Amino acid sequence: MNAPDRPALDEAHRLAVLRELGVLDTGREAAFDALVACAARLSGCPVSLIGLVDADRLWFKASVGLDLEQLPREPSCCEHAIRAAGPLVVEDLRADERFAAHPLVAGAPGLRFYAGQPLCIDGAVVGTLSVLDHRPRAVDAGTLDALAQLGRAAVELLQSRRRLRDATAQRERLLDFAHAAGDWMWESDAEHRYLWLSDAFEAQTGLPADPLVGRPIADAALLDERGEPLPGDPRLHALLAAGQAFTRVITAKPTPRGLLLLSRSAVPVHGFGWVEPSVLKPRSSASARSRAWNAGTNTAARFPRASSSRYRRTCWSKAGTFSPTSIRMR
């Protein structure tokens, strides 16, 4: 049973999509291995493969029942399957002139049956999820439907690798940006406990980051641009709990290097966050120290003394992967 042919392949687009996935020549992964094992079990076939069709080879991301890393693209069944408008089924490979001379059909292991589900991403068929047997056989509609469902799962796995790679690249760019700016970033959960702090945290504050992981972010009074308490005594924790985006909220933070005024911004997110720079310029170290103390920051830490009467410090922070009520801070 052969599916009708597709229109002519846009090979340049197909190869671009395949390579953009970044999966070729990667190692085995449990999720893909589980898919081929499930396909073999559901179909009753001893062999199942996830094959990706490169320019001149068929490369296997996962396999069960056949220990192969790759094959020449021609005259593979997958080469024909990526041109089919639906699943390609060959009930007896030896009786089909397209495949009778294939080494895996004419010789060991003597494959006779093939059913392949095309894996389509961004309008391009990049490969197939297939099942094979050593004897000729027919296939029922239930088996083909199961193969199609597993094929959709394979496509989702391939696309998730791309999404993960893109997210990782974005995270690295944000880290580079923050390092260049001298800020720190952090992640917290919905209960405002630190999950992670960047290396710049210790460099800026003199406080080690590791002991803070798992501990709650310290609450603090919100200050105006002069370092004085805002009317109504609003607090940082209440602002975070509201789950609303905010920018340039000022708080004071005691550190071994002095009492720092921080400008914070935040948005609720489910992924890694980023921040904009903010610079605080109190009129003098004495006035800034006084305002921070009046804001309720009960600490013996002091602003570092400077040779000039003006004090300037830039501090950022960041947060990331949370529950729906979590906050990304900078």
C-alpha atoms as a PDB file:
ATOM      1  CA  MET A   1       0.000   0.000   0.000  1.00  0.00           C
ATOM      2  CA  ASN A   2       1.728   3.177  -1.176  1.00  0.00           C
ATOM      3  CA  ALA A   3       0.707   6.733  -0.358  1.00  0.00           C
ATOM      4  CA  PRO A   4       0.499   9.175  -3.261  1.00  0.00           C
ATOM      5  CA  ASP A   5       3.587  11.258  -3.880  1.00  0.00           C
ATOM      6  CA  ARG A   6       3.906  14.776  -2.568  1.00  0.00           C
ATOM      7  CA  PRO A   7       4.731  17.666  -4.860  1.00  0.00           C
ATOM      8  CA  ALA A   8       8.443  18.095  -5.526  1.00  0.00           C
ATOM      9  CA  LEU A   9      10.456  18.649  -2.336  1.00  0.00           C
ATOM     10  CA  ASP A  10      11.908  22.044  -1.517  1.00  0.00           C
ATOM     11  CA  GLU A  11      15.162  20.380  -0.555  1.00  0.00           C
ATOM     12  CA  ALA A  12      16.946  23.577   0.427  1.00  0.00           C
ATOM     13  CA  HIS A  13      14.159  24.494   2.859  1.00  0.00           C
ATOM     14  CA  ARG A  14      13.900  20.944   4.164  1.00  0.00           C
ATOM     15  CA  LEU A  15      17.614  20.732   4.919  1.00  0.00           C
ATOM     16  CA  ALA A  16      17.605  24.204   6.484  1.00  0.00           C
ATOM     17  CA  VAL A  17      14.810  23.169   8.866  1.00  0.00           C
ATOM     18  CA  LEU A  18      16.536  19.890   9.705  1.00  0.00           C
ATOM     19  CA  ARG A  19      19.869  21.508  10.509  1.00  0.00           C
ATOM     20  CA  GLU A  20      18.287  24.350  12.415  1.00  0.00           C
ATOM     21  CA  LEU A  21      16.892  21.754  14.833  1.00  0.00           C
ATOM     22  CA  GLY A  22      20.456  21.017  15.918  1.00  0.00           C
ATOM     23  CA  VAL A  23      19.770  17.310  16.453  1.00  0.00           C
ATOM     24  CA  LEU A  24      21.995  15.623  13.843  1.00  0.00           C
ATOM     25  CA  ASP A  25      24.899  13.642  15.313  1.00  0.00           C
ATOM     26  CA  THR A  26      23.724  14.138  18.896  1.00  0.00           C
ATOM     27  CA  GLY A  27      23.722  11.352  21.465  1.00  0.00           C
ATOM     28  CA  ARG A  28      20.916   9.062  22.514  1.00  0.00           C
ATOM     29  CA  GLU A  29      18.092  10.552  24.553  1.00  0.00           C
ATOM     30  CA  ALA A  30      15.683   8.634  26.750  1.00  0.00           C
ATOM     31  CA  ALA A  31      12.578  10.368  25.382  1.00  0.00           C
ATOM     32  CA  PHE A  32      13.327   9.397  21.781  1.00  0.00           C
ATOM     33  CA  ASP A  33      14.319   5.869  22.836  1.00  0.00           C
ATOM     34  CA  ALA A  34      10.973   5.543  24.649  1.00  0.00           C
ATOM     35  CA  LEU A  35       9.091   6.561  21.502  1.00  0.00           C
ATOM     36  CA  VAL A  36      10.633   3.885  19.300  1.00  0.00           C
ATOM     37  CA  ALA A  37      10.157   1.276  22.027  1.00  0.00           C
ATOM     38  CA  CYS A  38       6.489   2.240  22.257  1.00  0.00           C
ATOM     39  CA  ALA A  39       6.075   2.147  18.467  1.00  0.00           C
ATOM     40  CA  ALA A  40       7.563  -1.348  18.324  1.00  0.00           C
ATOM     41  CA  ARG A  41       5.320  -2.565  21.127  1.00  0.00           C
ATOM     42  CA  LEU A  42       2.114  -1.091  19.703  1.00  0.00           C
ATOM     43  CA  SER A  43       2.759  -2.359  16.182  1.00  0.00           C
ATOM     44  CA  GLY A  44       4.078  -5.765  17.175  1.00  0.00           C
ATOM     45  CA  CYS A  45       7.182  -5.130  15.051  1.00  0.00           C
ATOM     46  CA  PRO A  46      10.694  -6.012  16.283  1.00  0.00           C
ATOM     47  CA  VAL A  47      12.291  -2.906  14.731  1.00  0.00           C
ATOM     48  CA  SER A  48      11.450   0.767  15.118  1.00  0.00           C
ATOM     49  CA  LEU A  49      13.476   3.814  14.056  1.00  0.00           C
ATOM     50  CA  ILE A  50      13.453   7.595  14.155  1.00  0.00           C
ATOM     51  CA  GLY A  51      15.384   8.489  11.022  1.00  0.00           C
ATOM     52  CA  LEU A  52      16.332  11.987   9.870  1.00  0.00           C
ATOM     53  CA  VAL A  53      17.053  12.419   6.173  1.00  0.00           C
ATOM     54  CA  ASP A  54      20.174  14.530   5.658  1.00  0.00           C
ATOM     55  CA  ALA A  55      21.585  15.604   2.288  1.00  0.00           C
ATOM     56  CA  ASP A  56      23.135  12.220   1.486  1.00  0.00           C
ATOM     57  CA  ARG A  57      22.448  10.001   4.480  1.00  0.00           C
ATOM     58  CA  LEU A  58      19.716   8.643   6.697  1.00  0.00           C
ATOM     59  CA  TRP A  59      20.777   9.253  10.303  1.00  0.00           C
ATOM     60  CA  PHE A  60      19.026   7.517  13.192  1.00  0.00           C
ATOM     61  CA  LYS A  61      18.254   9.497  16.334  1.00  0.00           C
ATOM     62  CA  ALA A  62      16.753   6.426  18.037  1.00  0.00           C
ATOM     63  CA  SER A  63      16.402   2.753  17.217  1.00  0.00           C
ATOM     64  CA  VAL A  64      15.267  -0.530  18.667  1.00  0.00           C
ATOM     65  CA  GLY A  65      15.905  -3.920  17.092  1.00  0.00           C
ATOM     66  CA  LEU A  66      18.482  -2.592  14.609  1.00  0.00           C
ATOM     67  CA  ASP A  67      21.917  -1.373  15.676  1.00  0.00           C
ATOM     68  CA  LEU A  68      22.734   1.203  13.018  1.00  0.00           C
ATOM     69  CA  GLU A  69      23.885   4.821  13.231  1.00  0.00           C
ATOM     70  CA  GLN A  70      23.229   5.795   9.629  1.00  0.00           C
ATOM     71  CA  LEU A  71      22.657   4.538   6.096  1.00  0.00           C
ATOM     72  CA  PRO A  72      23.037   6.017   2.609  1.00  0.00           C
ATOM     73  CA  ARG A  73      19.976   8.120   1.768  1.00  0.00           C
ATOM     74  CA  GLU A  74      19.317   6.146  -1.405  1.00  0.00           C
ATOM     75  CA  PRO A  75      17.613   3.705  -1.756  1.00  0.00           C
ATOM     76  CA  SER A  76      16.153   3.891   1.763  1.00  0.00           C
ATOM     77  CA  CYS A  77      12.455   3.597   2.508  1.00  0.00           C
ATOM     78  CA  CYS A  78      12.630   6.935   4.334  1.00  0.00           C
ATOM     79  CA  GLU A  79      13.703   8.668   1.136  1.00  0.00           C
ATOM     80  CA  HIS A  80      10.384   7.620  -0.388  1.00  0.00           C
ATOM     81  CA  ALA A  81       8.429   8.248   2.820  1.00  0.00           C
ATOM     82  CA  ILE A  82       9.410  11.931   3.001  1.00  0.00           C
ATOM     83  CA  ARG A  83       7.911  12.368  -0.481  1.00  0.00           C
ATOM     84  CA  ALA A  84       4.620  10.682   0.415  1.00  0.00           C
ATOM     85  CA  ALA A  85       1.474  12.631   1.273  1.00  0.00           C
ATOM     86  CA  GLY A  86       0.828  10.330   4.251  1.00  0.00           C
ATOM     87  CA  PRO A  87       2.247   7.225   5.906  1.00  0.00           C
ATOM     88  CA  LEU A  88       4.176   4.937   3.575  1.00  0.00           C
ATOM     89  CA  VAL A  89       3.406   1.230   4.012  1.00  0.00           C
ATOM     90  CA  VAL A  90       5.223  -1.552   2.132  1.00  0.00           C
ATOM     91  CA  GLU A  91       3.782  -4.931   3.053  1.00  0.00           C
ATOM     92  CA  ASP A  92       6.602  -6.911   1.375  1.00  0.00           C
ATOM     93  CA  LEU A  93       9.846  -5.076   0.698  1.00  0.00           C
ATOM     94  CA  ARG A  94      11.267  -7.995  -1.278  1.00  0.00           C
ATOM     95  CA  ALA A  95       8.334  -7.849  -3.680  1.00  0.00           C
ATOM     96  CA  ASP A  96       8.749  -4.096  -4.249  1.00  0.00           C
ATOM     97  CA  GLU A  97      11.271  -3.280  -6.976  1.00  0.00           C
ATOM     98  CA  ARG A  98      12.240  -0.029  -5.211  1.00  0.00           C
ATOM     99  CA  PHE A  99      13.581  -1.906  -2.190  1.00  0.00           C
ATOM    100  CA  ALA A 100      14.191  -5.536  -3.219  1.00  0.00           C
ATOM    101  CA  ALA A 101      17.919  -4.957  -3.737  1.00  0.00           C
ATOM    102  CA  HIS A 102      18.462  -2.956  -0.534  1.00  0.00           C
ATOM    103  CA  PRO A 103      21.216  -4.608   1.554  1.00  0.00           C
ATOM    104  CA  LEU A 104      18.979  -4.838   4.638  1.00  0.00           C
ATOM    105  CA  VAL A 105      16.278  -6.553   2.557  1.00  0.00           C
ATOM    106  CA  ALA A 106      18.340  -8.788   0.281  1.00  0.00           C
ATOM    107  CA  GLY A 107      20.807  -9.630   3.068  1.00  0.00           C
ATOM    108  CA  ALA A 108      20.833  -9.614   6.871  1.00  0.00           C
ATOM    109  CA  PRO A 109      18.685  -8.911   8.766  1.00  0.00           C
ATOM    110  CA  GLY A 110      16.232  -9.669   5.938  1.00  0.00           C
ATOM    111  CA  LEU A 111      13.658  -6.928   6.488  1.00  0.00           C
ATOM    112  CA  ARG A 112      10.333  -7.525   4.705  1.00  0.00           C
ATOM    113  CA  PHE A 113       7.774  -5.038   6.113  1.00  0.00           C
ATOM    114  CA  TYR A 114       7.944  -1.243   6.471  1.00  0.00           C
ATOM    115  CA  ALA A 115       5.550   1.427   7.728  1.00  0.00           C
ATOM    116  CA  GLY A 116       6.797   5.004   8.076  1.00  0.00           C
ATOM    117  CA  GLN A 117       5.118   8.150   9.440  1.00  0.00           C
ATOM    118  CA  PRO A 118       6.576  11.401   8.035  1.00  0.00           C
ATOM    119  CA  LEU A 119       7.806  13.932  10.609  1.00  0.00           C
ATOM    120  CA  CYS A 120       6.809  17.383   9.355  1.00  0.00           C
ATOM    121  CA  ILE A 121       8.180  20.592  10.908  1.00  0.00           C
ATOM    122  CA  ASP A 122       7.649  24.090   9.497  1.00  0.00           C
ATOM    123  CA  GLY A 123       6.235  22.634   6.295  1.00  0.00           C
ATOM    124  CA  ALA A 124       9.211  20.324   5.712  1.00  0.00           C
ATOM    125  CA  VAL A 125       9.420  16.558   6.231  1.00  0.00           C
ATOM    126  CA  VAL A 126      12.712  16.067   8.063  1.00  0.00           C
ATOM    127  CA  GLY A 127      12.452  12.319   8.639  1.00  0.00           C
ATOM    128  CA  THR A 128      10.225   9.459   9.707  1.00  0.00           C
ATOM    129  CA  LEU A 129       9.136   7.343  12.632  1.00  0.00           C
ATOM    130  CA  SER A 130       9.037   3.829  11.201  1.00  0.00           C
ATOM    131  CA  VAL A 131       8.407   0.237  12.212  1.00  0.00           C
ATOM    132  CA  LEU A 132       9.800  -2.810  10.375  1.00  0.00           C
ATOM    133  CA  ASP A 133       9.428  -6.572  10.514  1.00  0.00           C
ATOM    134  CA  HIS A 134      11.326  -9.599   9.223  1.00  0.00           C
ATOM    135  CA  ARG A 135       8.200 -11.036   7.625  1.00  0.00           C
ATOM    136  CA  PRO A 136       5.618  -9.658   5.204  1.00  0.00           C
ATOM    137  CA  ARG A 137       2.478  -8.404   6.884  1.00  0.00           C
ATOM    138  CA  ALA A 138      -0.551  -6.181   6.545  1.00  0.00           C
ATOM    139  CA  VAL A 139      -1.245  -3.235   8.817  1.00  0.00           C
ATOM    140  CA  ASP A 140      -4.564  -2.117  10.260  1.00  0.00           C
ATOM    141  CA  ALA A 141      -5.958   1.375  10.699  1.00  0.00           C
ATOM    142  CA  GLY A 142      -5.446   1.286  14.474  1.00  0.00           C
ATOM    143  CA  THR A 143      -1.719   0.663  14.081  1.00  0.00           C
ATOM    144  CA  LEU A 144      -1.380   3.476  11.556  1.00  0.00           C
ATOM    145  CA  ASP A 145      -3.254   5.831  13.877  1.00  0.00           C
ATOM    146  CA  ALA A 146      -0.958   4.902  16.774  1.00  0.00           C
ATOM    147  CA  LEU A 147       2.068   5.498  14.554  1.00  0.00           C
ATOM    148  CA  ALA A 148       0.693   8.917  13.581  1.00  0.00           C
ATOM    149  CA  GLN A 149       0.172   9.850  17.231  1.00  0.00           C
ATOM    150  CA  LEU A 150       3.701   8.807  18.128  1.00  0.00           C
ATOM    151  CA  GLY A 151       4.960  10.732  15.114  1.00  0.00           C
ATOM    152  CA  ARG A 152       3.370  13.884  16.494  1.00  0.00           C
ATOM    153  CA  ALA A 153       5.113  13.240  19.804  1.00  0.00           C
ATOM    154  CA  ALA A 154       8.431  12.861  17.957  1.00  0.00           C
ATOM    155  CA  VAL A 155       7.860  16.194  16.198  1.00  0.00           C
ATOM    156  CA  GLU A 156       7.128  17.863  19.531  1.00  0.00           C
ATOM    157  CA  LEU A 157      10.345  16.455  20.993  1.00  0.00           C
ATOM    158  CA  LEU A 158      12.365  17.744  18.059  1.00  0.00           C
ATOM    159  CA  GLN A 159      10.802  21.185  18.350  1.00  0.00           C
ATOM    160  CA  SER A 160      11.314  21.258  22.113  1.00  0.00           C
ATOM    161  CA  ARG A 161      15.047  20.828  21.542  1.00  0.00           C
ATOM    162  CA  ARG A 162      14.971  23.935  19.347  1.00  0.00           C
ATOM    163  CA  ARG A 163      13.000  25.895  21.934  1.00  0.00           C
ATOM    164  CA  LEU A 164      15.386  24.840  24.678  1.00  0.00           C
ATOM    165  CA  ARG A 165      18.391  25.825  22.588  1.00  0.00           C
ATOM    166  CA  ASP A 166      16.870  29.215  21.805  1.00  0.00           C
ATOM    167  CA  ALA A 167      16.007  29.815  25.461  1.00  0.00           C
ATOM    168  CA  THR A 168      19.524  28.830  26.510  1.00  0.00           C
ATOM    169  CA  ALA A 169      21.039  31.181  23.943  1.00  0.00           C
ATOM    170  CA  GLN A 170      18.814  34.013  25.160  1.00  0.00           C
ATOM    171  CA  ARG A 171      19.782  33.301  28.761  1.00  0.00           C
ATOM    172  CA  GLU A 172      23.470  33.397  27.853  1.00  0.00           C
ATOM    173  CA  ARG A 173      23.013  36.705  26.048  1.00  0.00           C
ATOM    174  CA  LEU A 174      21.272  38.160  29.077  1.00  0.00           C
ATOM    175  CA  LEU A 175      24.032  36.907  31.359  1.00  0.00           C
ATOM    176  CA  ASP A 176      26.656  38.468  29.103  1.00  0.00           C
ATOM    177  CA  PHE A 177      24.712  41.716  29.100  1.00  0.00           C
ATOM    178  CA  ALA A 178      24.430  41.761  32.877  1.00  0.00           C
ATOM    179  CA  HIS A 179      28.103  40.883  33.365  1.00  0.00           C
ATOM    180  CA  ALA A 180      29.113  43.700  31.059  1.00  0.00           C
ATOM    181  CA  ALA A 181      26.937  46.097  33.050  1.00  0.00           C
ATOM    182  CA  GLY A 182      28.222  44.873  36.423  1.00  0.00           C
ATOM    183  CA  ASP A 183      24.767  43.924  37.722  1.00  0.00           C
ATOM    184  CA  TRP A 184      23.607  40.781  39.397  1.00  0.00           C
ATOM    185  CA  MET A 185      20.669  38.547  38.548  1.00  0.00           C
ATOM    186  CA  TRP A 186      18.657  36.144  40.612  1.00  0.00           C
ATOM    187  CA  GLU A 187      15.762  33.723  40.393  1.00  0.00           C
ATOM    188  CA  SER A 188      13.093  33.141  43.020  1.00  0.00           C
ATOM    189  CA  ASP A 189      10.010  31.018  43.488  1.00  0.00           C
ATOM    190  CA  ALA A 190       6.431  32.031  44.262  1.00  0.00           C
ATOM    191  CA  GLU A 191       7.282  32.224  47.982  1.00  0.00           C
ATOM    192  CA  HIS A 192      10.070  34.719  47.188  1.00  0.00           C
ATOM    193  CA  ARG A 193      12.852  32.261  48.060  1.00  0.00           C
ATOM    194  CA  TYR A 194      16.088  32.499  46.130  1.00  0.00           C
ATOM    195  CA  LEU A 195      16.609  29.711  43.604  1.00  0.00           C
ATOM    196  CA  TRP A 196      19.798  31.105  42.066  1.00  0.00           C
ATOM    197  CA  LEU A 197      22.000  34.211  42.158  1.00  0.00           C
ATOM    198  CA  SER A 198      24.590  35.213  39.579  1.00  0.00           C
ATOM    199  CA  ASP A 199      28.294  35.524  40.368  1.00  0.00           C
ATOM    200  CA  ALA A 200      28.069  39.304  40.255  1.00  0.00           C
ATOM    201  CA  PHE A 201      25.984  39.299  43.443  1.00  0.00           C
ATOM    202  CA  GLU A 202      28.991  38.568  45.650  1.00  0.00           C
ATOM    203  CA  ALA A 203      31.230  40.900  43.668  1.00  0.00           C
ATOM    204  CA  GLN A 204      28.777  43.777  44.180  1.00  0.00           C
ATOM    205  CA  THR A 205      27.652  43.129  47.753  1.00  0.00           C
ATOM    206  CA  GLY A 206      30.457  41.172  49.400  1.00  0.00           C
ATOM    207  CA  LEU A 207      27.884  38.545  50.412  1.00  0.00           C
ATOM    208  CA  PRO A 208      28.322  34.893  49.310  1.00  0.00           C
ATOM    209  CA  ALA A 209      25.448  33.762  47.119  1.00  0.00           C
ATOM    210  CA  ASP A 210      25.253  30.035  47.946  1.00  0.00           C
ATOM    211  CA  PRO A 211      23.996  30.402  51.560  1.00  0.00           C
ATOM    212  CA  LEU A 212      21.078  32.505  50.292  1.00  0.00           C
ATOM    213  CA  VAL A 213      19.704  29.817  47.973  1.00  0.00           C
ATOM    214  CA  GLY A 214      16.500  28.464  49.482  1.00  0.00           C
ATOM    215  CA  ARG A 215      16.147  31.432  51.841  1.00  0.00           C
ATOM    216  CA  PRO A 216      13.517  34.150  51.414  1.00  0.00           C
ATOM    217  CA  ILE A 217      14.348  37.500  49.887  1.00  0.00           C
ATOM    218  CA  ALA A 218      14.531  40.064  52.664  1.00  0.00           C
ATOM    219  CA  ASP A 219      11.525  42.333  52.845  1.00  0.00           C
ATOM    220  CA  ALA A 220      12.233  46.048  52.694  1.00  0.00           C
ATOM    221  CA  ALA A 221      10.463  49.379  52.725  1.00  0.00           C
ATOM    222  CA  LEU A 222      10.001  51.086  49.367  1.00  0.00           C
ATOM    223  CA  LEU A 223      11.766  54.430  49.059  1.00  0.00           C
ATOM    224  CA  ASP A 224      11.427  57.428  46.797  1.00  0.00           C
ATOM    225  CA  GLU A 225      14.219  58.725  44.561  1.00  0.00           C
ATOM    226  CA  ARG A 226      15.637  60.685  47.504  1.00  0.00           C
ATOM    227  CA  GLY A 227      15.836  57.562  49.663  1.00  0.00           C
ATOM    228  CA  GLU A 228      12.845  58.518  51.836  1.00  0.00           C
ATOM    229  CA  PRO A 229       9.949  56.154  52.682  1.00  0.00           C
ATOM    230  CA  LEU A 230       6.978  56.227  50.343  1.00  0.00           C
ATOM    231  CA  PRO A 231       3.609  57.231  51.876  1.00  0.00           C
ATOM    232  CA  GLY A 232       1.718  54.378  53.475  1.00  0.00           C
ATOM    233  CA  ASP A 233       4.877  52.327  54.175  1.00  0.00           C
ATOM    234  CA  PRO A 234       4.608  49.996  51.109  1.00  0.00           C
ATOM    235  CA  ARG A 235       6.833  46.897  51.297  1.00  0.00           C
ATOM    236  CA  LEU A 236       8.739  44.841  48.727  1.00  0.00           C
ATOM    237  CA  HIS A 237       7.056  41.532  49.610  1.00  0.00           C
ATOM    238  CA  ALA A 238       3.591  43.024  49.152  1.00  0.00           C
ATOM    239  CA  LEU A 239       4.631  44.336  45.756  1.00  0.00           C
ATOM    240  CA  LEU A 240       5.941  40.909  44.718  1.00  0.00           C
ATOM    241  CA  ALA A 241       2.831  39.152  45.987  1.00  0.00           C
ATOM    242  CA  ALA A 242       0.646  41.403  43.818  1.00  0.00           C
ATOM    243  CA  GLY A 243       2.090  39.687  40.742  1.00  0.00           C
ATOM    244  CA  GLN A 244       2.213  42.922  38.742  1.00  0.00           C
ATOM    245  CA  ALA A 245       5.071  44.350  36.701  1.00  0.00           C
ATOM    246  CA  PHE A 246       6.901  47.318  38.211  1.00  0.00           C
ATOM    247  CA  THR A 247       9.992  49.372  37.418  1.00  0.00           C
ATOM    248  CA  ARG A 248      12.612  51.356  39.335  1.00  0.00           C
ATOM    249  CA  VAL A 249      11.361  50.542  42.813  1.00  0.00           C
ATOM    250  CA  ILE A 250      13.982  51.617  45.326  1.00  0.00           C
ATOM    251  CA  THR A 251      14.925  49.682  48.460  1.00  0.00           C
ATOM    252  CA  ALA A 252      17.915  49.634  50.801  1.00  0.00           C
ATOM    253  CA  LYS A 253      20.080  46.530  51.306  1.00  0.00           C
ATOM    254  CA  PRO A 254      22.605  46.099  54.123  1.00  0.00           C
ATOM    255  CA  THR A 255      25.888  44.498  53.003  1.00  0.00           C
ATOM    256  CA  PRO A 256      29.404  44.128  54.422  1.00  0.00           C
ATOM    257  CA  ARG A 257      30.414  46.880  52.024  1.00  0.00           C
ATOM    258  CA  GLY A 258      27.800  49.317  53.231  1.00  0.00           C
ATOM    259  CA  LEU A 259      24.137  50.016  52.941  1.00  0.00           C
ATOM    260  CA  LEU A 260      23.258  49.953  49.245  1.00  0.00           C
ATOM    261  CA  LEU A 261      20.283  51.586  47.608  1.00  0.00           C
ATOM    262  CA  LEU A 262      18.906  49.325  44.857  1.00  0.00           C
ATOM    263  CA  SER A 263      16.658  50.198  41.954  1.00  0.00           C
ATOM    264  CA  ARG A 264      14.516  47.148  41.137  1.00  0.00           C
ATOM    265  CA  SER A 265      12.187  46.243  38.297  1.00  0.00           C
ATOM    266  CA  ALA A 266      10.136  43.076  37.907  1.00  0.00           C
ATOM    267  CA  VAL A 267       7.608  41.268  35.750  1.00  0.00           C
ATOM    268  CA  PRO A 268       5.789  37.965  36.457  1.00  0.00           C
ATOM    269  CA  VAL A 269       7.281  35.257  34.231  1.00  0.00           C
ATOM    270  CA  HIS A 270       7.534  31.504  33.677  1.00  0.00           C
ATOM    271  CA  GLY A 271      11.048  31.729  32.263  1.00  0.00           C
ATOM    272  CA  PHE A 272      14.324  33.504  32.795  1.00  0.00           C
ATOM    273  CA  GLY A 273      14.137  37.260  33.220  1.00  0.00           C
ATOM    274  CA  TRP A 274      16.216  40.316  32.470  1.00  0.00           C
ATOM    275  CA  VAL A 275      16.628  43.838  33.852  1.00  0.00           C
ATOM    276  CA  GLU A 276      17.378  47.399  32.849  1.00  0.00           C
ATOM    277  CA  PRO A 277      20.143  49.437  34.512  1.00  0.00           C
ATOM    278  CA  SER A 278      19.308  51.943  37.186  1.00  0.00           C
ATOM    279  CA  VAL A 279      21.659  54.367  38.952  1.00  0.00           C
ATOM    280  CA  LEU A 280      20.968  55.984  42.288  1.00  0.00           C
ATOM    281  CA  LYS A 281      22.753  59.219  43.177  1.00  0.00           C
ATOM    282  CA  PRO A 282      22.065  60.310  46.779  1.00  0.00           C
ATOM    283  CA  ARG A 283      23.209  63.861  47.456  1.00  0.00           C
ATOM    284  CA  SER A 284      25.738  62.616  49.961  1.00  0.00           C
ATOM    285  CA  SER A 285      26.686  59.466  51.796  1.00  0.00           C
ATOM    286  CA  ALA A 286      25.423  60.970  55.038  1.00  0.00           C
ATOM    287  CA  SER A 287      21.984  61.891  53.673  1.00  0.00           C
ATOM    288  CA  ALA A 288      21.592  58.518  51.969  1.00  0.00           C
ATOM    289  CA  ARG A 289      22.558  56.710  55.173  1.00  0.00           C
ATOM    290  CA  SER A 290      20.051  58.740  57.151  1.00  0.00           C
ATOM    291  CA  ARG A 291      17.212  58.097  54.700  1.00  0.00           C
ATOM    292  CA  ALA A 292      17.899  54.364  54.638  1.00  0.00           C
ATOM    293  CA  TRP A 293      17.838  54.204  58.427  1.00  0.00           C
ATOM    294  CA  ASN A 294      14.618  56.201  58.527  1.00  0.00           C
ATOM    295  CA  ALA A 295      13.088  53.768  56.009  1.00  0.00           C
ATOM    296  CA  GLY A 296      13.282  51.027  58.618  1.00  0.00           C
ATOM    297  CA  THR A 297      16.506  49.307  57.579  1.00  0.00           C
ATOM    298  CA  ASN A 298      17.723  48.222  61.006  1.00  0.00           C
ATOM    299  CA  THR A 299      21.388  47.461  60.501  1.00  0.00           C
ATOM    300  CA  ALA A 300      24.754  48.617  61.702  1.00  0.00           C
ATOM    301  CA  ALA A 301      26.112  48.622  58.154  1.00  0.00           C
ATOM    302  CA  ARG A 302      27.171  51.984  56.777  1.00  0.00           C
ATOM    303  CA  PHE A 303      27.642  53.530  53.395  1.00  0.00           C
ATOM    304  CA  PRO A 304      31.323  53.411  52.499  1.00  0.00           C
ATOM    305  CA  ARG A 305      33.103  56.709  52.901  1.00  0.00           C
ATOM    306  CA  ALA A 306      34.295  58.377  49.717  1.00  0.00           C
ATOM    307  CA  SER A 307      36.763  61.153  49.005  1.00  0.00           C
ATOM    308  CA  SER A 308      33.997  63.227  47.441  1.00  0.00           C
ATOM    309  CA  SER A 309      30.675  64.275  48.937  1.00  0.00           C
ATOM    310  CA  ARG A 310      28.758  62.417  46.226  1.00  0.00           C
ATOM    311  CA  TYR A 311      28.010  58.698  46.261  1.00  0.00           C
ATOM    312  CA  ARG A 312      27.111  56.626  43.201  1.00  0.00           C
ATOM    313  CA  ARG A 313      26.419  52.922  42.945  1.00  0.00           C
ATOM    314  CA  THR A 314      24.715  50.859  40.235  1.00  0.00           C
ATOM    315  CA  CYS A 315      23.006  47.612  41.294  1.00  0.00           C
ATOM    316  CA  TRP A 316      20.770  45.308  39.293  1.00  0.00           C
ATOM    317  CA  SER A 317      19.135  42.000  40.057  1.00  0.00           C
ATOM    318  CA  LYS A 318      17.182  39.417  38.069  1.00  0.00           C
ATOM    319  CA  ALA A 319      14.842  36.549  38.541  1.00  0.00           C
ATOM    320  CA  GLY A 320      13.449  33.768  36.428  1.00  0.00           C
ATOM    321  CA  THR A 321      11.660  30.457  36.264  1.00  0.00           C
ATOM    322  CA  PHE A 322       8.641  30.505  38.555  1.00  0.00           C
ATOM    323  CA  SER A 323       5.098  29.411  39.128  1.00  0.00           C
ATOM    324  CA  PRO A 324       2.270  31.594  37.710  1.00  0.00           C
ATOM    325  CA  THR A 325       2.487  33.893  40.745  1.00  0.00           C
ATOM    326  CA  SER A 326       6.240  34.201  40.771  1.00  0.00           C
ATOM    327  CA  ILE A 327       8.204  37.332  40.001  1.00  0.00           C
ATOM    328  CA  ARG A 328      11.211  38.078  37.855  1.00  0.00           C
ATOM    329  CA  MET A 329      13.283  40.840  39.412  1.00  0.00           C
ATOM    330  CA  ARG A 330      16.058  43.066  38.326  1.00  0.00           C
END
